[in-house]
């Protein structure tokens, strides 16, 4: 929750929040501000053909952000998006030198590998049925395998142009996996090596999870670090009861505040057990 200047607002009261669950307003029963909780951060680096020229920059950006953001008690992991999704650095604490670890990493296949298809062109080896950038697979597997089993403060940070080349998991499946993991998604925007701007589907996924996006830094990370620190270290938590008559597992939720000139970012969906 930030004001027009981007400064975090930490003095909101319960009466200033309005919660709509499947478009039905529900009373806010509890409110507290989580501050400085331990963080689990997953970083997804786009190493596809469209980002090959920027891969070394991705390495430097990821390593520097992790060095600046992580504190004692935090944990992080790094995966890449290539023809397959690969685990470059497994879940570990803030003491690891991620710069050294990422620079020489090829990574093991992470999650479900994409099927290989034979080429009819002589001399050309098998190619991935997912193409060179199965981005939704990476988000789906990172959220489902790494983040969902954990509790606490969780987020995914993606360095990408936002384009998916043919994942076996859909955009909806990726969005549902992030929602079920109780994580927020953030993205740093890079132009595609094939031309074109940031893919709109990733914008939409970021908004769905209550995160935000940044333009690629030009050697300066302070603004991104400051914004991530604000988002990830200080969060309002609202407690309310879902509509009792609803048998749906997936619920749409909308959060509003009555105090003017505040920017609200919150998850747009959640899942509940009908039992």
C-alpha atoms as a PDB file:
ATOM      1  CA  UNK A   1       0.000   0.000   0.000  1.00  0.00           C
ATOM      2  CA  UNK A   2       1.681   3.184  -1.191  1.00  0.00           C
ATOM      3  CA  UNK A   3       0.729   6.822  -1.682  1.00  0.00           C
ATOM      4  CA  UNK A   4       1.118   8.885  -4.860  1.00  0.00           C
ATOM      5  CA  UNK A   5       4.830   9.384  -4.100  1.00  0.00           C
ATOM      6  CA  UNK A   6       5.442   5.648  -3.763  1.00  0.00           C
ATOM      7  CA  UNK A   7       5.913   5.853   0.015  1.00  0.00           C
ATOM      8  CA  UNK A   8       4.545   2.920   2.044  1.00  0.00           C
ATOM      9  CA  UNK A   9       1.538   3.719   4.229  1.00  0.00           C
ATOM     10  CA  UNK A  10       1.503   1.822   7.525  1.00  0.00           C
ATOM     11  CA  UNK A  11      -1.288   3.434   9.548  1.00  0.00           C
ATOM     12  CA  UNK A  12      -4.467   2.228   7.822  1.00  0.00           C
ATOM     13  CA  UNK A  13      -7.274   0.957  10.046  1.00  0.00           C
ATOM     14  CA  UNK A  14      -9.693  -1.905   9.538  1.00  0.00           C
ATOM     15  CA  UNK A  15     -12.572   0.476   8.775  1.00  0.00           C
ATOM     16  CA  UNK A  16     -10.680   1.902   5.815  1.00  0.00           C
ATOM     17  CA  UNK A  17     -10.637  -1.435   3.957  1.00  0.00           C
ATOM     18  CA  UNK A  18     -13.445  -2.899   1.866  1.00  0.00           C
ATOM     19  CA  UNK A  19     -13.319  -6.551   0.757  1.00  0.00           C
ATOM     20  CA  UNK A  20     -15.467  -8.038  -2.019  1.00  0.00           C
ATOM     21  CA  UNK A  21     -15.524 -11.828  -2.297  1.00  0.00           C
ATOM     22  CA  UNK A  22     -17.051 -12.964  -5.614  1.00  0.00           C
ATOM     23  CA  UNK A  23     -18.522  -9.422  -5.792  1.00  0.00           C
ATOM     24  CA  UNK A  24     -20.202  -9.793  -2.379  1.00  0.00           C
ATOM     25  CA  UNK A  25     -18.919  -7.345   0.236  1.00  0.00           C
ATOM     26  CA  UNK A  26     -17.640  -9.125   3.336  1.00  0.00           C
ATOM     27  CA  UNK A  27     -16.829  -7.497   6.687  1.00  0.00           C
ATOM     28  CA  UNK A  28     -13.138  -7.229   7.563  1.00  0.00           C
ATOM     29  CA  UNK A  29     -12.798  -9.176  10.813  1.00  0.00           C
ATOM     30  CA  UNK A  30      -9.085  -8.703  11.426  1.00  0.00           C
ATOM     31  CA  UNK A  31      -6.215  -6.589  10.162  1.00  0.00           C
ATOM     32  CA  UNK A  32      -2.506  -6.538  10.892  1.00  0.00           C
ATOM     33  CA  UNK A  33       0.678  -5.333   9.251  1.00  0.00           C
ATOM     34  CA  UNK A  34       3.343  -7.954   8.603  1.00  0.00           C
ATOM     35  CA  UNK A  35       6.763  -6.321   8.769  1.00  0.00           C
ATOM     36  CA  UNK A  36      10.247  -7.711   8.147  1.00  0.00           C
ATOM     37  CA  UNK A  37       9.170 -11.347   7.923  1.00  0.00           C
ATOM     38  CA  UNK A  38      11.689 -13.864   6.518  1.00  0.00           C
ATOM     39  CA  UNK A  39      11.392 -14.060   2.737  1.00  0.00           C
ATOM     40  CA  UNK A  40      11.536 -16.932   0.258  1.00  0.00           C
ATOM     41  CA  UNK A  41      12.322 -15.528  -3.186  1.00  0.00           C
ATOM     42  CA  UNK A  42      12.398 -17.479  -6.423  1.00  0.00           C
ATOM     43  CA  UNK A  43      14.145 -15.896  -9.412  1.00  0.00           C
ATOM     44  CA  UNK A  44      13.288 -16.991 -12.959  1.00  0.00           C
ATOM     45  CA  UNK A  45      15.842 -16.012 -15.614  1.00  0.00           C
ATOM     46  CA  UNK A  46      14.759 -16.075 -19.246  1.00  0.00           C
ATOM     47  CA  UNK A  47      17.627 -17.767 -21.100  1.00  0.00           C
ATOM     48  CA  UNK A  48      15.641 -18.404 -24.281  1.00  0.00           C
ATOM     49  CA  UNK A  49      16.734 -17.502 -27.819  1.00  0.00           C
ATOM     50  CA  UNK A  50      14.967 -14.145 -27.547  1.00  0.00           C
ATOM     51  CA  UNK A  51      17.073 -13.202 -24.504  1.00  0.00           C
ATOM     52  CA  UNK A  52      20.464 -14.732 -25.381  1.00  0.00           C
ATOM     53  CA  UNK A  53      22.096 -11.357 -25.986  1.00  0.00           C
ATOM     54  CA  UNK A  54      20.995 -10.180 -22.536  1.00  0.00           C
ATOM     55  CA  UNK A  55      21.783 -13.348 -20.607  1.00  0.00           C
ATOM     56  CA  UNK A  56      24.981 -12.033 -19.015  1.00  0.00           C
ATOM     57  CA  UNK A  57      23.059  -8.936 -17.919  1.00  0.00           C
ATOM     58  CA  UNK A  58      20.369 -11.189 -16.431  1.00  0.00           C
ATOM     59  CA  UNK A  59      23.080 -12.994 -14.441  1.00  0.00           C
ATOM     60  CA  UNK A  60      24.480  -9.730 -13.073  1.00  0.00           C
ATOM     61  CA  UNK A  61      21.047  -8.294 -12.290  1.00  0.00           C
ATOM     62  CA  UNK A  62      19.842 -11.430 -10.502  1.00  0.00           C
ATOM     63  CA  UNK A  63      23.031 -11.769  -8.450  1.00  0.00           C
ATOM     64  CA  UNK A  64      23.060  -8.111  -7.425  1.00  0.00           C
ATOM     65  CA  UNK A  65      19.366  -8.029  -6.520  1.00  0.00           C
ATOM     66  CA  UNK A  66      19.708 -11.171  -4.425  1.00  0.00           C
ATOM     67  CA  UNK A  67      22.762  -9.745  -2.673  1.00  0.00           C
ATOM     68  CA  UNK A  68      20.942  -6.511  -1.857  1.00  0.00           C
ATOM     69  CA  UNK A  69      17.511  -7.885  -0.972  1.00  0.00           C
ATOM     70  CA  UNK A  70      18.265 -11.050   1.000  1.00  0.00           C
ATOM     71  CA  UNK A  71      18.816 -10.794   4.738  1.00  0.00           C
ATOM     72  CA  UNK A  72      19.707 -13.271   7.425  1.00  0.00           C
ATOM     73  CA  UNK A  73      16.885 -15.814   7.615  1.00  0.00           C
ATOM     74  CA  UNK A  74      15.805 -15.363   3.964  1.00  0.00           C
ATOM     75  CA  UNK A  75      16.108 -18.047   1.299  1.00  0.00           C
ATOM     76  CA  UNK A  76      16.213 -18.015  -2.504  1.00  0.00           C
ATOM     77  CA  UNK A  77      16.392 -20.269  -5.547  1.00  0.00           C
ATOM     78  CA  UNK A  78      17.076 -19.547  -9.228  1.00  0.00           C
ATOM     79  CA  UNK A  79      15.695 -21.341 -12.281  1.00  0.00           C
ATOM     80  CA  UNK A  80      16.135 -20.654 -15.989  1.00  0.00           C
ATOM     81  CA  UNK A  81      13.762 -20.815 -18.952  1.00  0.00           C
ATOM     82  CA  UNK A  82      15.366 -22.531 -21.932  1.00  0.00           C
ATOM     83  CA  UNK A  83      14.060 -25.410 -24.060  1.00  0.00           C
ATOM     84  CA  UNK A  84      13.504 -26.979 -20.653  1.00  0.00           C
ATOM     85  CA  UNK A  85      13.163 -25.317 -17.274  1.00  0.00           C
ATOM     86  CA  UNK A  86      16.413 -25.775 -15.319  1.00  0.00           C
ATOM     87  CA  UNK A  87      17.347 -25.361 -11.670  1.00  0.00           C
ATOM     88  CA  UNK A  88      20.432 -23.127 -11.519  1.00  0.00           C
ATOM     89  CA  UNK A  89      20.580 -22.628  -7.745  1.00  0.00           C
ATOM     90  CA  UNK A  90      18.539 -24.670  -5.292  1.00  0.00           C
ATOM     91  CA  UNK A  91      16.800 -23.207  -2.263  1.00  0.00           C
ATOM     92  CA  UNK A  92      19.503 -21.801  -0.007  1.00  0.00           C
ATOM     93  CA  UNK A  93      20.131 -18.979   2.446  1.00  0.00           C
ATOM     94  CA  UNK A  94      21.473 -15.458   2.033  1.00  0.00           C
ATOM     95  CA  UNK A  95      25.102 -16.400   2.664  1.00  0.00           C
ATOM     96  CA  UNK A  96      25.613 -17.958  -0.797  1.00  0.00           C
ATOM     97  CA  UNK A  97      27.582 -16.091  -3.471  1.00  0.00           C
ATOM     98  CA  UNK A  98      24.903 -16.199  -6.169  1.00  0.00           C
ATOM     99  CA  UNK A  99      27.107 -14.357  -8.660  1.00  0.00           C
ATOM    100  CA  UNK A 100      29.649 -17.166  -8.621  1.00  0.00           C
ATOM    101  CA  UNK A 101      26.979 -19.854  -8.557  1.00  0.00           C
ATOM    102  CA  UNK A 102      25.088 -18.490 -11.575  1.00  0.00           C
ATOM    103  CA  UNK A 103      28.106 -17.744 -13.747  1.00  0.00           C
ATOM    104  CA  UNK A 104      29.061 -21.383 -14.228  1.00  0.00           C
ATOM    105  CA  UNK A 105      25.692 -23.073 -13.898  1.00  0.00           C
ATOM    106  CA  UNK A 106      24.132 -25.301 -16.564  1.00  0.00           C
ATOM    107  CA  UNK A 107      21.443 -26.575 -14.219  1.00  0.00           C
ATOM    108  CA  UNK A 108      19.482 -29.803 -13.997  1.00  0.00           C
ATOM    109  CA  UNK A 109      16.066 -30.138 -15.628  1.00  0.00           C
ATOM    110  CA  UNK A 110      13.432 -28.868 -13.216  1.00  0.00           C
ATOM    111  CA  UNK A 111       9.812 -30.022 -13.248  1.00  0.00           C
ATOM    112  CA  UNK A 112       8.414 -31.921 -16.205  1.00  0.00           C
ATOM    113  CA  UNK A 113      10.757 -31.892 -19.237  1.00  0.00           C
ATOM    114  CA  UNK A 114       9.314 -30.925 -22.593  1.00  0.00           C
ATOM    115  CA  UNK A 115       8.959 -33.656 -25.183  1.00  0.00           C
ATOM    116  CA  UNK A 116      11.589 -33.754 -27.949  1.00  0.00           C
ATOM    117  CA  UNK A 117      10.622 -33.937 -31.613  1.00  0.00           C
ATOM    118  CA  UNK A 118      12.771 -35.170 -34.433  1.00  0.00           C
ATOM    119  CA  UNK A 119      13.654 -32.761 -37.181  1.00  0.00           C
ATOM    120  CA  UNK A 120      13.233 -33.624 -40.849  1.00  0.00           C
ATOM    121  CA  UNK A 121      16.140 -31.338 -41.701  1.00  0.00           C
ATOM    122  CA  UNK A 122      19.423 -33.255 -42.166  1.00  0.00           C
ATOM    123  CA  UNK A 123      22.002 -32.464 -39.520  1.00  0.00           C
ATOM    124  CA  UNK A 124      19.526 -30.765 -37.217  1.00  0.00           C
ATOM    125  CA  UNK A 125      19.005 -32.546 -33.907  1.00  0.00           C
ATOM    126  CA  UNK A 126      15.808 -33.014 -31.911  1.00  0.00           C
ATOM    127  CA  UNK A 127      13.971 -29.848 -30.910  1.00  0.00           C
ATOM    128  CA  UNK A 128      11.736 -29.080 -27.968  1.00  0.00           C
ATOM    129  CA  UNK A 129       7.987 -29.317 -28.424  1.00  0.00           C
ATOM    130  CA  UNK A 130       7.723 -26.326 -26.061  1.00  0.00           C
ATOM    131  CA  UNK A 131       9.964 -24.101 -28.171  1.00  0.00           C
ATOM    132  CA  UNK A 132      12.791 -22.089 -26.629  1.00  0.00           C
ATOM    133  CA  UNK A 133      10.804 -20.271 -23.917  1.00  0.00           C
ATOM    134  CA  UNK A 134       8.261 -22.328 -21.898  1.00  0.00           C
ATOM    135  CA  UNK A 135       7.677 -19.439 -19.464  1.00  0.00           C
ATOM    136  CA  UNK A 136       4.325 -20.631 -18.086  1.00  0.00           C
ATOM    137  CA  UNK A 137       5.936 -24.006 -17.287  1.00  0.00           C
ATOM    138  CA  UNK A 138       8.663 -22.243 -15.302  1.00  0.00           C
ATOM    139  CA  UNK A 139       6.171 -20.187 -13.297  1.00  0.00           C
ATOM    140  CA  UNK A 140       3.908 -23.209 -12.745  1.00  0.00           C
ATOM    141  CA  UNK A 141       6.740 -25.485 -11.559  1.00  0.00           C
ATOM    142  CA  UNK A 142       8.430 -22.835  -9.395  1.00  0.00           C
ATOM    143  CA  UNK A 143       5.177 -22.040  -7.603  1.00  0.00           C
ATOM    144  CA  UNK A 144       3.951 -25.632  -7.276  1.00  0.00           C
ATOM    145  CA  UNK A 145       7.197 -27.444  -6.444  1.00  0.00           C
ATOM    146  CA  UNK A 146       9.200 -24.845  -4.524  1.00  0.00           C
ATOM    147  CA  UNK A 147       6.817 -22.302  -3.012  1.00  0.00           C
ATOM    148  CA  UNK A 148       3.521 -24.058  -2.316  1.00  0.00           C
ATOM    149  CA  UNK A 149       4.947 -26.472   0.315  1.00  0.00           C
ATOM    150  CA  UNK A 150       6.416 -23.541   2.262  1.00  0.00           C
ATOM    151  CA  UNK A 151       4.757 -21.092   4.624  1.00  0.00           C
ATOM    152  CA  UNK A 152       5.435 -17.416   5.181  1.00  0.00           C
ATOM    153  CA  UNK A 153       6.418 -14.543   2.903  1.00  0.00           C
ATOM    154  CA  UNK A 154       6.953 -15.760  -0.684  1.00  0.00           C
ATOM    155  CA  UNK A 155       7.512 -14.157  -4.086  1.00  0.00           C
ATOM    156  CA  UNK A 156       8.715 -14.859  -7.636  1.00  0.00           C
ATOM    157  CA  UNK A 157      10.863 -12.383  -9.590  1.00  0.00           C
ATOM    158  CA  UNK A 158      11.132 -12.906 -13.369  1.00  0.00           C
ATOM    159  CA  UNK A 159      13.697 -11.372 -15.757  1.00  0.00           C
ATOM    160  CA  UNK A 160      12.117 -11.773 -19.194  1.00  0.00           C
ATOM    161  CA  UNK A 161      10.517 -10.291 -22.293  1.00  0.00           C
ATOM    162  CA  UNK A 162       7.338 -12.086 -21.203  1.00  0.00           C
ATOM    163  CA  UNK A 163       6.830 -14.306 -24.235  1.00  0.00           C
ATOM    164  CA  UNK A 164       5.869 -17.986 -23.968  1.00  0.00           C
ATOM    165  CA  UNK A 165       6.744 -20.236 -26.908  1.00  0.00           C
ATOM    166  CA  UNK A 166       4.421 -23.173 -26.185  1.00  0.00           C
ATOM    167  CA  UNK A 167       4.393 -24.431 -22.596  1.00  0.00           C
ATOM    168  CA  UNK A 168       2.579 -27.645 -21.765  1.00  0.00           C
ATOM    169  CA  UNK A 169       0.898 -25.704 -18.927  1.00  0.00           C
ATOM    170  CA  UNK A 170      -1.440 -22.845 -19.764  1.00  0.00           C
ATOM    171  CA  UNK A 171      -1.485 -19.249 -18.539  1.00  0.00           C
ATOM    172  CA  UNK A 172      -4.446 -20.138 -16.299  1.00  0.00           C
ATOM    173  CA  UNK A 173      -2.567 -23.068 -14.768  1.00  0.00           C
ATOM    174  CA  UNK A 174       0.438 -20.850 -14.068  1.00  0.00           C
ATOM    175  CA  UNK A 175      -1.794 -18.193 -12.485  1.00  0.00           C
ATOM    176  CA  UNK A 176      -3.594 -20.790 -10.355  1.00  0.00           C
ATOM    177  CA  UNK A 177      -0.286 -22.282  -9.172  1.00  0.00           C
ATOM    178  CA  UNK A 178       0.989 -18.875  -8.041  1.00  0.00           C
ATOM    179  CA  UNK A 179      -2.317 -18.180  -6.280  1.00  0.00           C
ATOM    180  CA  UNK A 180      -2.301 -21.547  -4.505  1.00  0.00           C
ATOM    181  CA  UNK A 181       1.270 -20.937  -3.352  1.00  0.00           C
ATOM    182  CA  UNK A 182       0.259 -17.632  -1.681  1.00  0.00           C
ATOM    183  CA  UNK A 183       3.070 -15.884  -3.542  1.00  0.00           C
ATOM    184  CA  UNK A 184       3.238 -12.594  -5.422  1.00  0.00           C
ATOM    185  CA  UNK A 185       4.865 -12.282  -8.819  1.00  0.00           C
ATOM    186  CA  UNK A 186       7.192  -9.485  -9.958  1.00  0.00           C
ATOM    187  CA  UNK A 187       8.826  -8.985 -13.346  1.00  0.00           C
ATOM    188  CA  UNK A 188      11.662  -6.943 -14.836  1.00  0.00           C
ATOM    189  CA  UNK A 189      10.862  -6.005 -18.417  1.00  0.00           C
ATOM    190  CA  UNK A 190      13.346  -6.599 -21.245  1.00  0.00           C
ATOM    191  CA  UNK A 191      12.817  -6.220 -24.977  1.00  0.00           C
ATOM    192  CA  UNK A 192      12.731  -9.377 -27.033  1.00  0.00           C
ATOM    193  CA  UNK A 193      15.698 -10.172 -29.224  1.00  0.00           C
ATOM    194  CA  UNK A 194      13.179 -10.915 -31.993  1.00  0.00           C
ATOM    195  CA  UNK A 195      11.685  -7.431 -31.725  1.00  0.00           C
ATOM    196  CA  UNK A 196       8.540  -6.310 -29.953  1.00  0.00           C
ATOM    197  CA  UNK A 197       7.796  -5.137 -26.465  1.00  0.00           C
ATOM    198  CA  UNK A 198       6.843  -6.825 -23.215  1.00  0.00           C
ATOM    199  CA  UNK A 199       4.160  -9.509 -23.648  1.00  0.00           C
ATOM    200  CA  UNK A 200       0.785  -8.393 -22.218  1.00  0.00           C
ATOM    201  CA  UNK A 201      -0.049 -11.806 -20.717  1.00  0.00           C
ATOM    202  CA  UNK A 202       2.743 -11.404 -18.172  1.00  0.00           C
ATOM    203  CA  UNK A 203       1.448  -7.946 -17.221  1.00  0.00           C
ATOM    204  CA  UNK A 204      -1.884  -9.584 -16.510  1.00  0.00           C
ATOM    205  CA  UNK A 205      -0.326 -12.358 -14.431  1.00  0.00           C
ATOM    206  CA  UNK A 206       1.634  -9.832 -12.355  1.00  0.00           C
ATOM    207  CA  UNK A 207      -1.552  -7.869 -11.622  1.00  0.00           C
ATOM    208  CA  UNK A 208      -3.489 -11.046 -10.740  1.00  0.00           C
ATOM    209  CA  UNK A 209      -1.024 -11.909  -7.965  1.00  0.00           C
ATOM    210  CA  UNK A 210      -0.703  -8.425  -6.469  1.00  0.00           C
ATOM    211  CA  UNK A 211       2.816  -7.839  -7.744  1.00  0.00           C
ATOM    212  CA  UNK A 212       4.274  -5.242 -10.086  1.00  0.00           C
ATOM    213  CA  UNK A 213       6.782  -4.867 -12.935  1.00  0.00           C
ATOM    214  CA  UNK A 214       9.891  -2.781 -13.550  1.00  0.00           C
ATOM    215  CA  UNK A 215      11.738  -1.617 -16.615  1.00  0.00           C
ATOM    216  CA  UNK A 216      15.187  -3.160 -17.059  1.00  0.00           C
ATOM    217  CA  UNK A 217      17.728  -1.166 -15.045  1.00  0.00           C
ATOM    218  CA  UNK A 218      20.553   0.645 -16.789  1.00  0.00           C
ATOM    219  CA  UNK A 219      23.205  -0.240 -14.247  1.00  0.00           C
ATOM    220  CA  UNK A 220      21.128   1.147 -11.374  1.00  0.00           C
ATOM    221  CA  UNK A 221      19.216  -1.153  -9.045  1.00  0.00           C
ATOM    222  CA  UNK A 222      18.363   1.074  -6.090  1.00  0.00           C
ATOM    223  CA  UNK A 223      14.843   1.907  -7.277  1.00  0.00           C
ATOM    224  CA  UNK A 224      13.954  -1.749  -7.866  1.00  0.00           C
ATOM    225  CA  UNK A 225      15.479  -2.848  -4.552  1.00  0.00           C
ATOM    226  CA  UNK A 226      13.625  -0.088  -2.690  1.00  0.00           C
ATOM    227  CA  UNK A 227      10.302  -0.989  -4.302  1.00  0.00           C
ATOM    228  CA  UNK A 228      10.746  -4.696  -3.672  1.00  0.00           C
ATOM    229  CA  UNK A 229      11.728  -4.027  -0.061  1.00  0.00           C
ATOM    230  CA  UNK A 230       8.565  -1.955   0.386  1.00  0.00           C
ATOM    231  CA  UNK A 231       6.374  -4.633  -1.168  1.00  0.00           C
ATOM    232  CA  UNK A 232       7.955  -7.726   0.340  1.00  0.00           C
ATOM    233  CA  UNK A 233       8.805  -6.529   3.851  1.00  0.00           C
ATOM    234  CA  UNK A 234       5.607  -4.645   4.793  1.00  0.00           C
ATOM    235  CA  UNK A 235       2.202  -6.087   3.925  1.00  0.00           C
ATOM    236  CA  UNK A 236      -1.292  -5.713   5.260  1.00  0.00           C
ATOM    237  CA  UNK A 237      -3.060  -8.984   6.033  1.00  0.00           C
ATOM    238  CA  UNK A 238      -6.872  -8.967   6.062  1.00  0.00           C
ATOM    239  CA  UNK A 239      -9.076 -11.604   7.666  1.00  0.00           C
ATOM    240  CA  UNK A 240     -12.652 -12.201   6.438  1.00  0.00           C
ATOM    241  CA  UNK A 241     -15.135 -15.043   6.040  1.00  0.00           C
ATOM    242  CA  UNK A 242     -16.015 -16.154   2.478  1.00  0.00           C
ATOM    243  CA  UNK A 243     -19.606 -16.162   1.312  1.00  0.00           C
ATOM    244  CA  UNK A 244     -21.075 -19.273   3.016  1.00  0.00           C
ATOM    245  CA  UNK A 245     -23.453 -20.120   0.183  1.00  0.00           C
ATOM    246  CA  UNK A 246     -20.684 -20.304  -2.402  1.00  0.00           C
ATOM    247  CA  UNK A 247     -19.544 -23.807  -3.347  1.00  0.00           C
ATOM    248  CA  UNK A 248     -16.739 -22.530  -5.563  1.00  0.00           C
ATOM    249  CA  UNK A 249     -13.153 -23.445  -4.822  1.00  0.00           C
ATOM    250  CA  UNK A 250     -11.711 -20.478  -6.726  1.00  0.00           C
ATOM    251  CA  UNK A 251     -12.843 -17.082  -5.499  1.00  0.00           C
ATOM    252  CA  UNK A 252     -12.338 -13.653  -7.024  1.00  0.00           C
ATOM    253  CA  UNK A 253     -11.439 -11.039  -4.432  1.00  0.00           C
ATOM    254  CA  UNK A 254     -11.267  -7.254  -4.687  1.00  0.00           C
ATOM    255  CA  UNK A 255      -9.696  -4.971  -2.080  1.00  0.00           C
ATOM    256  CA  UNK A 256     -10.476  -1.250  -1.883  1.00  0.00           C
ATOM    257  CA  UNK A 257      -9.547   1.494   0.574  1.00  0.00           C
ATOM    258  CA  UNK A 258     -11.566   4.583   1.411  1.00  0.00           C
ATOM    259  CA  UNK A 259      -8.543   6.823   2.060  1.00  0.00           C
ATOM    260  CA  UNK A 260      -7.889   8.817  -1.152  1.00  0.00           C
ATOM    261  CA  UNK A 261      -4.764   8.793  -3.329  1.00  0.00           C
ATOM    262  CA  UNK A 262      -3.554   5.348  -2.307  1.00  0.00           C
ATOM    263  CA  UNK A 263      -2.448   2.605  -4.690  1.00  0.00           C
ATOM    264  CA  UNK A 264      -3.740  -0.867  -3.770  1.00  0.00           C
ATOM    265  CA  UNK A 265      -2.092  -4.035  -5.063  1.00  0.00           C
ATOM    266  CA  UNK A 266      -3.535  -7.316  -3.867  1.00  0.00           C
ATOM    267  CA  UNK A 267      -4.148 -10.846  -5.075  1.00  0.00           C
ATOM    268  CA  UNK A 268      -7.183 -11.076  -7.344  1.00  0.00           C
ATOM    269  CA  UNK A 269      -8.032 -14.720  -6.571  1.00  0.00           C
ATOM    270  CA  UNK A 270      -7.690 -17.328  -3.846  1.00  0.00           C
ATOM    271  CA  UNK A 271      -8.647 -20.975  -3.385  1.00  0.00           C
ATOM    272  CA  UNK A 272     -10.572 -22.438  -0.484  1.00  0.00           C
ATOM    273  CA  UNK A 273     -11.577 -25.954   0.528  1.00  0.00           C
ATOM    274  CA  UNK A 274     -15.397 -26.270   0.493  1.00  0.00           C
ATOM    275  CA  UNK A 275     -15.077 -28.503   3.553  1.00  0.00           C
END
